[in-house]
Amino acid sequence: MFDFFTGLIGTFIQSMEYQNSKSIQKSEIISGLNEALRYTKMHISETRDEYGDAESTLISDKWSKVAELIRPYNEVTANILEMKADYWLNPNGFKEDIQNQNRRFDFRFKIVEVEKMINRLNNKK
């Protein structure tokens, strides 16, 4: 699964290496990823308990927004971010769907992986 994710990020980063005119879009994507990540971390620290994560439409909206920014460059990554948005609408239900194999992908898009993506995008010129 990690190899899948690494390949996905590599493809996404390569697709972001467009002309300089695309730097505004890249900046918007990085800002969107950072914003979604900040809100997610804050929400987790404030609400996670022994029963799991609490739902959050705000966080779901943030991940959906960044998915739409990325979609023109990499639809697969955008779809994964949409799944992250779906997760935040109903975290426990999402986990149950995965366990019951009612979701197409059993893919965990961890915060640390998003941070790595942001760092790699920031380091690309």
N, C-alpha and C. Protein backbone atom coordinates (compact mmCIF):
# COMPACT_ATOMS: atom_id res chain seq x y z
N MET A 1 0.82 -1.18 0.00
CA MET A 1 0.00 0.00 0.00
C MET A 1 0.88 1.26 0.00
N PHE A 2 1.99 1.21 0.74
CA PHE A 2 2.89 2.37 0.78
C PHE A 2 3.46 2.64 -0.60
N ASP A 3 3.84 1.57 -1.34
CA ASP A 3 4.36 1.75 -2.69
C ASP A 3 3.33 2.41 -3.59
N PHE A 4 2.06 2.01 -3.43
CA PHE A 4 0.99 2.62 -4.21
C PHE A 4 0.94 4.12 -3.94
N PHE A 5 0.98 4.48 -2.65
CA PHE A 5 0.90 5.88 -2.27
C PHE A 5 2.11 6.66 -2.78
N THR A 6 3.31 6.09 -2.64
CA THR A 6 4.53 6.75 -3.10
C THR A 6 4.46 6.99 -4.61
N GLY A 7 4.02 6.00 -5.35
CA GLY A 7 3.87 6.17 -6.79
C GLY A 7 2.84 7.23 -7.13
N LEU A 8 1.78 7.27 -6.37
CA LEU A 8 0.73 8.25 -6.57
C LEU A 8 1.25 9.66 -6.37
N ILE A 9 2.00 9.86 -5.30
CA ILE A 9 2.56 11.19 -5.03
C ILE A 9 3.55 11.57 -6.12
N GLY A 10 4.39 10.60 -6.53
CA GLY A 10 5.35 10.87 -7.59
C GLY A 10 4.67 11.32 -8.86
N THR A 11 3.62 10.63 -9.24
CA THR A 11 2.85 11.00 -10.43
C THR A 11 2.24 12.38 -10.26
N PHE A 12 1.68 12.63 -9.09
CA PHE A 12 1.07 13.93 -8.82
C PHE A 12 2.10 15.05 -8.92
N ILE A 13 3.26 14.85 -8.30
CA ILE A 13 4.29 15.89 -8.31
C ILE A 13 4.79 16.13 -9.74
N GLN A 14 4.99 15.06 -10.49
CA GLN A 14 5.41 15.23 -11.88
C GLN A 14 4.37 16.01 -12.67
N SER A 15 3.12 15.74 -12.43
CA SER A 15 2.07 16.43 -13.18
C SER A 15 1.99 17.89 -12.78
N MET A 16 2.51 18.23 -11.60
CA MET A 16 2.49 19.63 -11.15
C MET A 16 3.64 20.44 -11.75
N GLU A 17 4.59 19.77 -12.41
CA GLU A 17 5.74 20.46 -12.97
C GLU A 17 5.38 21.04 -14.34
N TYR A 18 4.43 21.92 -14.36
CA TYR A 18 4.00 22.60 -15.56
C TYR A 18 4.80 23.90 -15.68
N GLN A 19 4.44 24.71 -16.64
CA GLN A 19 5.11 25.99 -16.82
C GLN A 19 4.93 26.86 -15.60
N ASN A 20 5.69 27.94 -15.55
CA ASN A 20 5.62 28.85 -14.40
C ASN A 20 4.23 29.42 -14.21
N SER A 21 3.43 29.47 -15.27
CA SER A 21 2.08 30.00 -15.14
C SER A 21 1.22 29.15 -14.21
N LYS A 22 1.63 27.93 -13.99
CA LYS A 22 0.88 27.04 -13.12
C LYS A 22 1.29 27.21 -11.66
N SER A 23 2.23 28.08 -11.35
CA SER A 23 2.69 28.23 -9.97
C SER A 23 1.59 28.74 -9.05
N ILE A 24 0.66 29.52 -9.59
CA ILE A 24 -0.46 29.99 -8.76
C ILE A 24 -1.33 28.81 -8.35
N GLN A 25 -1.62 27.92 -9.29
CA GLN A 25 -2.42 26.75 -8.96
C GLN A 25 -1.68 25.87 -7.94
N LYS A 26 -0.37 25.71 -8.13
CA LYS A 26 0.42 24.91 -7.18
C LYS A 26 0.35 25.54 -5.80
N SER A 27 0.48 26.85 -5.74
CA SER A 27 0.42 27.55 -4.47
C SER A 27 -0.94 27.36 -3.81
N GLU A 28 -2.01 27.43 -4.60
CA GLU A 28 -3.36 27.22 -4.06
C GLU A 28 -3.53 25.80 -3.54
N ILE A 29 -2.97 24.83 -4.25
CA ILE A 29 -3.06 23.44 -3.82
C ILE A 29 -2.31 23.24 -2.51
N ILE A 30 -1.10 23.77 -2.44
CA ILE A 30 -0.31 23.63 -1.21
C ILE A 30 -1.01 24.32 -0.05
N SER A 31 -1.55 25.50 -0.30
CA SER A 31 -2.29 26.21 0.76
C SER A 31 -3.52 25.41 1.19
N GLY A 32 -4.23 24.84 0.23
CA GLY A 32 -5.40 24.03 0.55
C GLY A 32 -5.04 22.79 1.35
N LEU A 33 -3.95 22.12 0.97
CA LEU A 33 -3.50 20.96 1.72
C LEU A 33 -3.12 21.35 3.14
N ASN A 34 -2.37 22.44 3.27
CA ASN A 34 -1.96 22.91 4.59
C ASN A 34 -3.17 23.26 5.47
N GLU A 35 -4.14 23.94 4.88
CA GLU A 35 -5.32 24.33 5.65
C GLU A 35 -6.11 23.11 6.10
N ALA A 36 -6.33 22.18 5.19
CA ALA A 36 -7.05 20.96 5.56
C ALA A 36 -6.30 20.18 6.63
N LEU A 37 -4.99 20.14 6.50
CA LEU A 37 -4.17 19.43 7.47
C LEU A 37 -4.23 20.09 8.84
N ARG A 38 -4.14 21.42 8.89
CA ARG A 38 -4.20 22.14 10.17
C ARG A 38 -5.54 21.91 10.86
N TYR A 39 -6.62 22.06 10.12
CA TYR A 39 -7.94 21.87 10.71
C TYR A 39 -8.12 20.43 11.19
N THR A 40 -7.60 19.48 10.42
CA THR A 40 -7.72 18.08 10.79
C THR A 40 -6.96 17.80 12.08
N LYS A 41 -5.73 18.27 12.17
CA LYS A 41 -4.93 18.05 13.38
C LYS A 41 -5.60 18.68 14.60
N MET A 42 -6.08 19.90 14.44
CA MET A 42 -6.75 20.58 15.54
C MET A 42 -7.99 19.80 15.98
N HIS A 43 -8.78 19.39 15.01
CA HIS A 43 -10.00 18.64 15.30
C HIS A 43 -9.70 17.34 16.02
N ILE A 44 -8.70 16.61 15.54
CA ILE A 44 -8.33 15.34 16.15
C ILE A 44 -7.90 15.56 17.60
N SER A 45 -7.06 16.57 17.82
CA SER A 45 -6.57 16.79 19.18
C SER A 45 -7.70 17.21 20.13
N GLU A 46 -8.73 17.84 19.61
CA GLU A 46 -9.82 18.31 20.44
C GLU A 46 -10.94 17.29 20.62
N THR A 47 -11.07 16.33 19.71
CA THR A 47 -12.25 15.47 19.73
C THR A 47 -12.01 13.98 19.77
N ARG A 48 -10.81 13.53 19.43
CA ARG A 48 -10.60 12.07 19.37
C ARG A 48 -10.70 11.49 20.78
N ASP A 49 -11.43 10.39 20.86
CA ASP A 49 -11.56 9.71 22.14
C ASP A 49 -11.48 8.21 21.91
N GLU A 50 -11.78 7.45 22.92
CA GLU A 50 -11.66 5.99 22.82
C GLU A 50 -12.61 5.39 21.78
N TYR A 51 -13.63 6.14 21.39
CA TYR A 51 -14.60 5.63 20.42
C TYR A 51 -14.26 5.99 18.99
N GLY A 52 -13.22 6.78 18.80
CA GLY A 52 -12.80 7.13 17.46
C GLY A 52 -12.88 8.62 17.22
N ASP A 53 -12.99 8.99 15.98
CA ASP A 53 -13.02 10.39 15.58
C ASP A 53 -14.45 10.91 15.54
N ALA A 54 -14.60 12.19 15.83
CA ALA A 54 -15.90 12.84 15.71
C ALA A 54 -16.04 13.36 14.28
N GLU A 55 -17.27 13.40 13.79
CA GLU A 55 -17.49 13.91 12.43
C GLU A 55 -17.25 15.41 12.38
N SER A 56 -16.95 15.90 11.18
CA SER A 56 -16.74 17.33 10.99
C SER A 56 -17.02 17.70 9.54
N THR A 57 -18.08 18.46 9.33
CA THR A 57 -18.37 18.91 7.96
C THR A 57 -17.36 19.96 7.52
N LEU A 58 -16.82 20.74 8.44
CA LEU A 58 -15.80 21.74 8.09
C LEU A 58 -14.57 21.07 7.50
N ILE A 59 -14.08 20.03 8.17
CA ILE A 59 -12.90 19.33 7.66
C ILE A 59 -13.23 18.64 6.34
N SER A 60 -14.39 18.05 6.25
CA SER A 60 -14.80 17.41 5.00
C SER A 60 -14.78 18.42 3.86
N ASP A 61 -15.29 19.62 4.11
CA ASP A 61 -15.28 20.67 3.09
C ASP A 61 -13.86 21.06 2.68
N LYS A 62 -12.94 21.11 3.63
CA LYS A 62 -11.55 21.47 3.33
C LYS A 62 -10.91 20.43 2.41
N TRP A 63 -11.11 19.15 2.72
CA TRP A 63 -10.54 18.09 1.88
C TRP A 63 -11.21 18.06 0.50
N SER A 64 -12.50 18.33 0.44
CA SER A 64 -13.18 18.38 -0.86
C SER A 64 -12.64 19.52 -1.71
N LYS A 65 -12.42 20.67 -1.08
CA LYS A 65 -11.90 21.83 -1.81
C LYS A 65 -10.53 21.53 -2.42
N VAL A 66 -9.63 20.97 -1.63
CA VAL A 66 -8.30 20.68 -2.16
C VAL A 66 -8.35 19.57 -3.21
N ALA A 67 -9.28 18.64 -3.06
CA ALA A 67 -9.45 17.60 -4.09
C ALA A 67 -9.82 18.22 -5.43
N GLU A 68 -10.70 19.21 -5.40
CA GLU A 68 -11.11 19.87 -6.64
C GLU A 68 -9.97 20.69 -7.25
N LEU A 69 -9.10 21.24 -6.41
CA LEU A 69 -7.93 21.96 -6.92
C LEU A 69 -6.96 21.02 -7.61
N ILE A 70 -6.83 19.81 -7.08
CA ILE A 70 -5.89 18.83 -7.61
C ILE A 70 -6.45 18.08 -8.82
N ARG A 71 -7.77 17.95 -8.89
CA ARG A 71 -8.39 17.13 -9.93
C ARG A 71 -7.89 17.39 -11.36
N PRO A 72 -7.68 18.66 -11.77
CA PRO A 72 -7.21 18.86 -13.15
C PRO A 72 -5.82 18.28 -13.42
N TYR A 73 -5.05 18.03 -12.37
CA TYR A 73 -3.69 17.54 -12.53
C TYR A 73 -3.57 16.04 -12.28
N ASN A 74 -4.40 15.53 -11.35
CA ASN A 74 -4.30 14.11 -11.02
C ASN A 74 -5.62 13.65 -10.41
N GLU A 75 -6.41 12.97 -11.19
CA GLU A 75 -7.73 12.56 -10.74
C GLU A 75 -7.68 11.49 -9.66
N VAL A 76 -6.68 10.62 -9.71
CA VAL A 76 -6.57 9.56 -8.71
C VAL A 76 -6.33 10.17 -7.33
N THR A 77 -5.39 11.12 -7.23
CA THR A 77 -5.12 11.78 -5.96
C THR A 77 -6.36 12.53 -5.50
N ALA A 78 -7.03 13.20 -6.41
CA ALA A 78 -8.26 13.93 -6.06
C ALA A 78 -9.30 12.98 -5.49
N ASN A 79 -9.45 11.81 -6.08
CA ASN A 79 -10.42 10.83 -5.58
C ASN A 79 -10.07 10.36 -4.18
N ILE A 80 -8.78 10.20 -3.91
CA ILE A 80 -8.35 9.79 -2.57
C ILE A 80 -8.67 10.89 -1.56
N LEU A 81 -8.44 12.14 -1.94
CA LEU A 81 -8.76 13.25 -1.04
C LEU A 81 -10.27 13.36 -0.83
N GLU A 82 -11.06 13.02 -1.84
CA GLU A 82 -12.51 12.98 -1.68
C GLU A 82 -12.91 11.90 -0.69
N MET A 83 -12.20 10.77 -0.71
CA MET A 83 -12.48 9.73 0.28
C MET A 83 -12.15 10.24 1.68
N LYS A 84 -11.09 11.04 1.79
CA LYS A 84 -10.77 11.64 3.09
C LYS A 84 -11.91 12.57 3.52
N ALA A 85 -12.46 13.30 2.58
CA ALA A 85 -13.61 14.17 2.88
C ALA A 85 -14.80 13.33 3.33
N ASP A 86 -15.07 12.22 2.64
CA ASP A 86 -16.15 11.32 3.03
C ASP A 86 -15.95 10.79 4.44
N TYR A 87 -14.70 10.45 4.73
CA TYR A 87 -14.38 9.92 6.06
C TYR A 87 -14.81 10.89 7.15
N TRP A 88 -14.53 12.19 6.97
CA TRP A 88 -14.81 13.16 8.02
C TRP A 88 -16.30 13.46 8.17
N LEU A 89 -17.11 13.07 7.21
CA LEU A 89 -18.56 13.19 7.39
C LEU A 89 -19.10 12.13 8.34
N ASN A 90 -18.43 10.98 8.35
CA ASN A 90 -18.87 9.87 9.21
C ASN A 90 -17.69 8.92 9.44
N PRO A 91 -16.73 9.29 10.31
CA PRO A 91 -15.53 8.48 10.50
C PRO A 91 -15.81 7.03 10.90
N ASN A 92 -16.68 6.84 11.86
CA ASN A 92 -16.94 5.47 12.31
C ASN A 92 -17.65 4.64 11.25
N GLY A 93 -18.59 5.26 10.54
CA GLY A 93 -19.26 4.56 9.44
C GLY A 93 -18.31 4.23 8.31
N PHE A 94 -17.38 5.13 8.03
CA PHE A 94 -16.38 4.90 6.99
C PHE A 94 -15.52 3.69 7.35
N LYS A 95 -15.08 3.64 8.61
CA LYS A 95 -14.26 2.51 9.06
C LYS A 95 -15.04 1.21 8.99
N GLU A 96 -16.32 1.25 9.36
CA GLU A 96 -17.16 0.05 9.26
C GLU A 96 -17.31 -0.39 7.81
N ASP A 97 -17.48 0.56 6.90
CA ASP A 97 -17.58 0.23 5.48
C ASP A 97 -16.34 -0.49 4.99
N ILE A 98 -15.18 -0.03 5.43
CA ILE A 98 -13.93 -0.69 5.03
C ILE A 98 -13.88 -2.10 5.60
N GLN A 99 -14.20 -2.24 6.86
CA GLN A 99 -14.18 -3.57 7.49
C GLN A 99 -15.16 -4.52 6.82
N ASN A 100 -16.31 -4.00 6.42
CA ASN A 100 -17.32 -4.83 5.76
C ASN A 100 -17.12 -4.93 4.26
N GLN A 101 -16.03 -4.35 3.77
CA GLN A 101 -15.68 -4.35 2.35
C GLN A 101 -16.75 -3.70 1.48
N ASN A 102 -17.36 -2.64 2.02
CA ASN A 102 -18.35 -1.87 1.27
C ASN A 102 -17.73 -0.64 0.63
N ARG A 103 -16.44 -0.47 0.78
CA ARG A 103 -15.71 0.63 0.14
C ARG A 103 -14.79 0.04 -0.91
N ARG A 104 -14.61 0.77 -1.99
CA ARG A 104 -13.79 0.28 -3.09
C ARG A 104 -12.33 0.14 -2.69
N PHE A 105 -11.83 1.08 -1.87
CA PHE A 105 -10.43 1.06 -1.45
C PHE A 105 -10.34 0.95 0.06
N ASP A 106 -9.42 0.14 0.51
CA ASP A 106 -9.08 0.12 1.92
C ASP A 106 -7.78 0.89 2.04
N PHE A 107 -7.86 2.18 1.92
CA PHE A 107 -6.69 3.04 1.83
C PHE A 107 -6.72 4.07 2.93
N ARG A 108 -5.66 4.12 3.72
CA ARG A 108 -5.55 5.08 4.80
C ARG A 108 -4.68 6.24 4.33
N PHE A 109 -5.21 7.41 4.31
CA PHE A 109 -4.46 8.60 3.88
C PHE A 109 -4.07 9.34 5.14
N LYS A 110 -2.98 8.92 5.75
CA LYS A 110 -2.57 9.41 7.05
C LYS A 110 -2.03 10.83 6.98
N ILE A 111 -2.12 11.52 8.10
CA ILE A 111 -1.64 12.89 8.19
C ILE A 111 -0.17 12.99 7.83
N VAL A 112 0.63 12.07 8.32
CA VAL A 112 2.06 12.12 8.03
C VAL A 112 2.32 12.00 6.52
N GLU A 113 1.50 11.26 5.83
CA GLU A 113 1.65 11.13 4.38
C GLU A 113 1.28 12.43 3.67
N VAL A 114 0.28 13.13 4.17
CA VAL A 114 -0.09 14.43 3.60
C VAL A 114 1.05 15.43 3.84
N GLU A 115 1.63 15.39 5.03
CA GLU A 115 2.76 16.29 5.34
C GLU A 115 3.93 16.04 4.39
N LYS A 116 4.21 14.78 4.10
CA LYS A 116 5.28 14.44 3.15
C LYS A 116 4.96 14.98 1.77
N MET A 117 3.70 14.88 1.34
CA MET A 117 3.29 15.38 0.04
C MET A 117 3.52 16.89 -0.03
N ILE A 118 3.13 17.60 1.02
CA ILE A 118 3.30 19.05 1.04
C ILE A 118 4.77 19.42 0.98
N ASN A 119 5.60 18.72 1.75
CA ASN A 119 7.03 19.00 1.72
C ASN A 119 7.63 18.77 0.35
N ARG A 120 7.23 17.69 -0.30
CA ARG A 120 7.76 17.40 -1.64
C ARG A 120 7.29 18.46 -2.65
N LEU A 121 6.04 18.88 -2.54
CA LEU A 121 5.54 19.93 -3.44
C LEU A 121 6.27 21.26 -3.20
N ASN A 122 6.52 21.59 -1.93
CA ASN A 122 7.24 22.82 -1.61
C ASN A 122 8.67 22.80 -2.12
N ASN A 123 9.28 21.63 -2.19
CA ASN A 123 10.67 21.53 -2.63
C ASN A 123 10.82 21.46 -4.15
N LYS A 124 9.71 21.26 -4.86
CA LYS A 124 9.74 21.26 -6.33
C LYS A 124 9.66 22.68 -6.83
N LYS A 125 10.49 23.01 -7.77
CA LYS A 125 10.49 24.37 -8.31
C LYS A 125 9.63 24.47 -9.53
